[in-house]
C-alpha cells in the first residue's frame, strides 16, 4: 500500500500538481484521502525523501526544489518580454518534448491524449490557460529528467504569472484575436498529442515549434 501511495504522490509531483517548493499534505490528510493507516503514509513519504523528491523542514514536508527561484524583470516593453519568453520556451520545450516522445510510457501517452481531448474552442481564456499549463506540464513530465522538468516549470511560471501576458490577453480590444488563438491552440494541442500517440518524436517537435511560432506571431503582431 505504501508503494501505491508513493507512486500517486510522485505522479502529482512529476505533473506539476505539487510544484517544487510546495508543502506536502499532512500525514493526517493523506491518511484520510487514501483511507489507510498513518504508518503506510509515513513509509510512502520516507520513500520520497530517500528519492530526494521530498525534503523535511522541521516537522513538515515539502517538494524538493533543486534550482533557485527565477525572477526576471522585463528589459523592454510588454511585447519584447513576450518574444523573450517564447524564445526561451523554444530552447527548452522542443528538445524536452522530443525527449518525452521517445521515453513516454503507454500510460503517459494516454494521459497526454486525455488532457488534449479536453481542449475545445469555446473555452474562455482563463479555463484555456489552466488547461494549457496542465497539458505542457504533463508532456514535459514524460521526459524522465527531474531537473529539466523543474527548469521548464520555472519558465512556465514566468509565462503564467506575467503581467505582460495577462494585459495582452485581457484587453477588450484583443478579444476576437484571443478567441482565434484559443481555437488554433486547441487544434495544435491535439496534433501534438496525436504525434505522441504515434510515437513520432520528429512530428512532436515539428508540431510544437509550429504551435509556439503561431502563438508568438499572433500575440506580437495582432494584439494591441
Protein backbone atom coordinates (compact mmCIF):
# COMPACT_ATOMS: atom_id res chain seq x y z
CA UNK A 1 0.00 0.00 0.00
CA UNK A 2 2.80 2.44 0.86
CA UNK A 3 4.31 1.98 -2.63
CA UNK A 4 0.96 2.81 -4.25
CA UNK A 5 0.68 5.98 -2.18
CA UNK A 6 4.27 6.92 -3.02
CA UNK A 7 3.66 6.41 -6.76
CA UNK A 8 0.49 8.50 -6.74
CA UNK A 9 2.24 11.33 -4.91
CA UNK A 10 5.21 11.04 -7.26
CA UNK A 11 2.85 11.39 -10.22
CA UNK A 12 1.36 14.58 -8.74
CA UNK A 13 4.86 15.98 -8.25
CA UNK A 14 6.01 14.99 -11.76
CA UNK A 15 2.92 16.54 -13.37
CA UNK A 16 3.43 19.84 -11.54
CA UNK A 17 0.25 19.46 -9.48
CA UNK A 18 2.59 19.63 -6.47
CA UNK A 19 5.23 22.12 -7.63
CA UNK A 20 8.82 22.42 -6.37
CA UNK A 21 8.75 24.18 -3.01
CA UNK A 22 5.09 23.32 -2.34
CA UNK A 23 4.17 21.97 1.08
CA UNK A 24 3.10 18.35 1.03
CA UNK A 25 -0.27 17.37 2.55
CA UNK A 26 -0.01 16.30 6.17
CA UNK A 27 0.06 12.65 7.23
CA UNK A 28 -3.47 13.04 8.58
CA UNK A 29 -4.75 14.47 5.27
CA UNK A 30 -3.10 11.72 3.26
CA UNK A 31 -4.27 9.03 5.65
CA UNK A 32 -7.87 10.21 5.27
CA UNK A 33 -7.59 10.66 1.50
CA UNK A 34 -6.15 7.19 0.88
CA UNK A 35 -8.11 5.59 3.73
CA UNK A 36 -5.03 3.94 5.19
CA UNK A 37 -3.16 3.95 8.47
CA UNK A 38 -0.62 6.70 9.05
CA UNK A 39 2.17 4.13 9.09
CA UNK A 40 1.57 3.47 5.36
CA UNK A 41 1.64 7.21 4.63
CA UNK A 42 4.82 7.61 6.69
CA UNK A 43 6.55 4.83 4.73
CA UNK A 44 5.47 6.39 1.43
CA UNK A 45 6.79 9.80 2.45
CA UNK A 46 10.07 8.30 3.64
CA UNK A 47 10.44 6.69 0.22
CA UNK A 48 10.02 10.10 -1.45
CA UNK A 49 12.56 11.61 0.94
CA UNK A 50 15.03 8.84 0.08
CA UNK A 51 14.50 9.60 -3.62
CA UNK A 52 15.26 13.29 -2.86
CA UNK A 53 11.88 14.23 -4.30
CA UNK A 54 10.59 15.44 -0.92
CA UNK A 55 12.56 17.15 1.86
CA UNK A 56 11.87 17.72 5.55
CA UNK A 57 11.81 21.21 7.01
CA UNK A 58 11.15 20.96 10.72
CA UNK A 59 8.04 18.83 11.15
CA UNK A 60 6.66 19.49 7.66
CA UNK A 61 7.49 18.02 4.26
CA UNK A 62 7.96 19.97 1.03
CA UNK A 63 8.51 19.08 -2.61
CA UNK A 64 12.27 19.32 -3.11
CA UNK A 65 13.41 22.39 -5.00
CA UNK A 66 16.80 21.81 -6.58
CA UNK A 67 17.00 25.07 -8.53
CA UNK A 68 16.69 28.63 -7.19
CA UNK A 69 13.60 30.72 -7.91
CA UNK A 70 13.82 32.55 -11.24
CA UNK A 71 12.88 36.23 -11.09
CA UNK A 72 13.21 38.17 -14.34
CA UNK A 73 12.37 41.82 -14.79
CA UNK A 74 11.29 42.73 -18.36
CA UNK A 75 14.04 44.68 -20.12
CA UNK A 76 11.76 46.27 -22.69
CA UNK A 77 8.08 46.71 -23.46
CA UNK A 78 5.44 44.01 -22.95
CA UNK A 79 5.75 42.52 -26.40
CA UNK A 80 9.54 42.34 -26.16
CA UNK A 81 9.15 40.28 -22.98
CA UNK A 82 6.60 38.04 -24.72
CA UNK A 83 9.14 37.42 -27.51
CA UNK A 84 11.86 36.63 -24.95
CA UNK A 85 9.62 34.13 -23.18
CA UNK A 86 8.77 32.35 -26.41
CA UNK A 87 12.43 32.26 -27.42
CA UNK A 88 13.24 30.66 -24.06
CA UNK A 89 10.38 28.19 -24.44
CA UNK A 90 11.63 27.08 -27.85
CA UNK A 91 15.13 26.46 -26.48
CA UNK A 92 13.76 24.23 -23.70
CA UNK A 93 10.41 22.92 -24.90
CA UNK A 94 11.39 21.47 -28.28
CA UNK A 95 14.12 19.09 -27.01
CA UNK A 96 12.18 18.27 -23.83
CA UNK A 97 9.04 17.36 -25.79
CA UNK A 98 11.09 15.35 -28.30
CA UNK A 99 12.77 13.50 -25.43
CA UNK A 100 9.38 12.89 -23.82
CA UNK A 101 8.03 11.48 -27.09
CA UNK A 102 10.87 8.96 -27.14
CA UNK A 103 10.63 7.98 -23.46
CA UNK A 104 6.93 8.22 -22.55
CA UNK A 105 5.21 5.12 -21.23
CA UNK A 106 1.89 3.94 -22.63
CA UNK A 107 0.22 5.33 -19.52
CA UNK A 108 1.85 8.75 -20.01
CA UNK A 109 0.84 8.84 -23.69
CA UNK A 110 -2.75 8.03 -22.70
CA UNK A 111 -2.69 10.79 -20.09
CA UNK A 112 -1.41 13.32 -22.66
CA UNK A 113 -4.19 12.30 -25.05
CA UNK A 114 -6.79 12.62 -22.28
CA UNK A 115 -5.69 16.15 -21.40
CA UNK A 116 -5.63 17.15 -25.08
CA UNK A 117 -9.18 15.83 -25.54
CA UNK A 118 -10.43 18.39 -23.01
CA UNK A 119 -9.48 21.33 -25.23
CA UNK A 120 -12.39 22.99 -27.01
CA UNK A 121 -12.57 26.28 -28.95
CA UNK A 122 -15.36 27.51 -26.66
CA UNK A 123 -13.07 27.59 -23.59
CA UNK A 124 -12.73 31.05 -22.09
CA UNK A 125 -9.20 32.36 -21.73
CA UNK A 126 -8.98 31.56 -18.01
CA UNK A 127 -10.02 27.93 -18.48
CA UNK A 128 -7.79 27.63 -21.54
CA UNK A 129 -4.71 28.89 -19.73
CA UNK A 130 -5.22 26.46 -16.81
CA UNK A 131 -5.61 23.54 -19.22
CA UNK A 132 -2.74 24.81 -21.39
CA UNK A 133 -0.35 24.68 -18.45
CA UNK A 134 -1.60 21.23 -17.44
CA UNK A 135 -1.03 19.93 -20.96
CA UNK A 136 2.51 21.28 -21.33
CA UNK A 137 3.46 20.15 -17.82
CA UNK A 138 2.06 16.67 -18.45
CA UNK A 139 4.07 16.34 -21.66
CA UNK A 140 7.29 17.61 -20.08
CA UNK A 141 6.94 15.26 -17.10
CA UNK A 142 7.25 12.31 -19.51
CA UNK A 143 10.86 13.27 -20.38
CA UNK A 144 12.04 11.48 -17.23
CA UNK A 145 14.57 14.12 -16.17
CA UNK A 146 13.54 15.84 -12.89
CA UNK A 147 15.93 18.78 -13.32
CA UNK A 148 14.67 19.56 -16.81
CA UNK A 149 11.08 19.24 -15.59
CA UNK A 150 11.78 21.71 -12.76
CA UNK A 151 13.63 24.14 -15.04
CA UNK A 152 10.84 24.05 -17.59
CA UNK A 153 8.27 24.56 -14.83
CA UNK A 154 10.05 27.74 -13.76
CA UNK A 155 9.87 29.07 -17.32
CA UNK A 156 6.13 28.33 -17.37
CA UNK A 157 5.81 30.17 -14.06
CA UNK A 158 7.28 33.26 -15.70
CA UNK A 159 4.78 32.98 -18.52
CA UNK A 160 1.65 32.30 -16.50
CA UNK A 161 2.47 34.91 -13.83
CA UNK A 162 3.43 37.50 -16.44
CA UNK A 163 1.60 40.82 -16.15
CA UNK A 164 2.53 41.43 -19.78
CA UNK A 165 0.75 38.27 -20.91
CA UNK A 166 -2.31 38.99 -18.79
CA UNK A 167 -2.57 42.57 -20.08
CA UNK A 168 -2.45 41.49 -23.72
CA UNK A 169 -4.91 38.63 -23.27
CA UNK A 170 -7.44 40.54 -21.18
CA UNK A 171 -7.63 43.78 -23.20
CA UNK A 172 -11.15 44.26 -24.59
CA UNK A 173 -9.81 45.26 -28.00
CA UNK A 174 -7.98 41.92 -28.31
CA UNK A 175 -10.83 39.52 -27.54
CA UNK A 176 -11.60 38.49 -31.12
CA UNK A 177 -7.94 37.66 -31.77
CA UNK A 178 -7.62 35.92 -28.38
CA UNK A 179 -10.59 33.69 -29.28
CA UNK A 180 -8.83 32.78 -32.54
CA UNK A 181 -5.59 31.99 -30.64
CA UNK A 182 -7.54 29.72 -28.28
CA UNK A 183 -9.23 27.88 -31.16
CA UNK A 184 -5.97 27.43 -33.09
CA UNK A 185 -4.11 26.33 -29.96
CA UNK A 186 -6.77 23.73 -29.14
CA UNK A 187 -6.20 22.17 -32.57
CA UNK A 188 -2.42 22.41 -32.13
CA UNK A 189 -2.52 20.53 -28.82
CA UNK A 190 -4.50 17.74 -30.46
CA UNK A 191 -1.87 17.47 -33.22
CA UNK A 192 0.92 17.26 -30.65
CA UNK A 193 -0.97 14.57 -28.71
CA UNK A 194 -1.59 12.60 -31.91
CA UNK A 195 2.14 12.66 -32.67
CA UNK A 196 2.79 11.37 -29.14
CA UNK A 197 0.32 8.53 -29.65
CA UNK A 198 2.09 7.66 -32.90
CA UNK A 199 5.47 7.70 -31.08
CA UNK A 200 6.72 10.16 -33.72
CA UNK A 201 9.27 12.31 -31.91
CA UNK A 202 10.11 14.36 -35.02
CA UNK A 203 6.44 15.18 -35.54
CA UNK A 204 6.09 16.15 -31.87
CA UNK A 205 8.99 18.60 -32.23
CA UNK A 206 7.67 19.98 -35.52
CA UNK A 207 4.09 20.39 -34.24
CA UNK A 208 5.29 22.03 -31.03
CA UNK A 209 7.50 24.51 -32.91
CA UNK A 210 4.66 25.40 -35.28
CA UNK A 211 2.36 25.96 -32.29
CA UNK A 212 4.82 28.21 -30.44
CA UNK A 213 5.64 30.20 -33.59
CA UNK A 214 1.97 30.75 -34.39
CA UNK A 215 1.02 31.90 -30.89
CA UNK A 216 4.01 34.23 -30.62
CA UNK A 217 3.25 35.79 -34.02
CA UNK A 218 -0.39 36.31 -33.07
CA UNK A 219 0.48 37.90 -29.73
CA UNK A 220 3.26 40.15 -31.01
CA UNK A 221 1.76 41.16 -34.36
CA UNK A 222 -2.00 41.08 -33.80
CA UNK A 223 -2.63 42.08 -30.17
CA UNK A 224 -2.68 45.71 -29.11
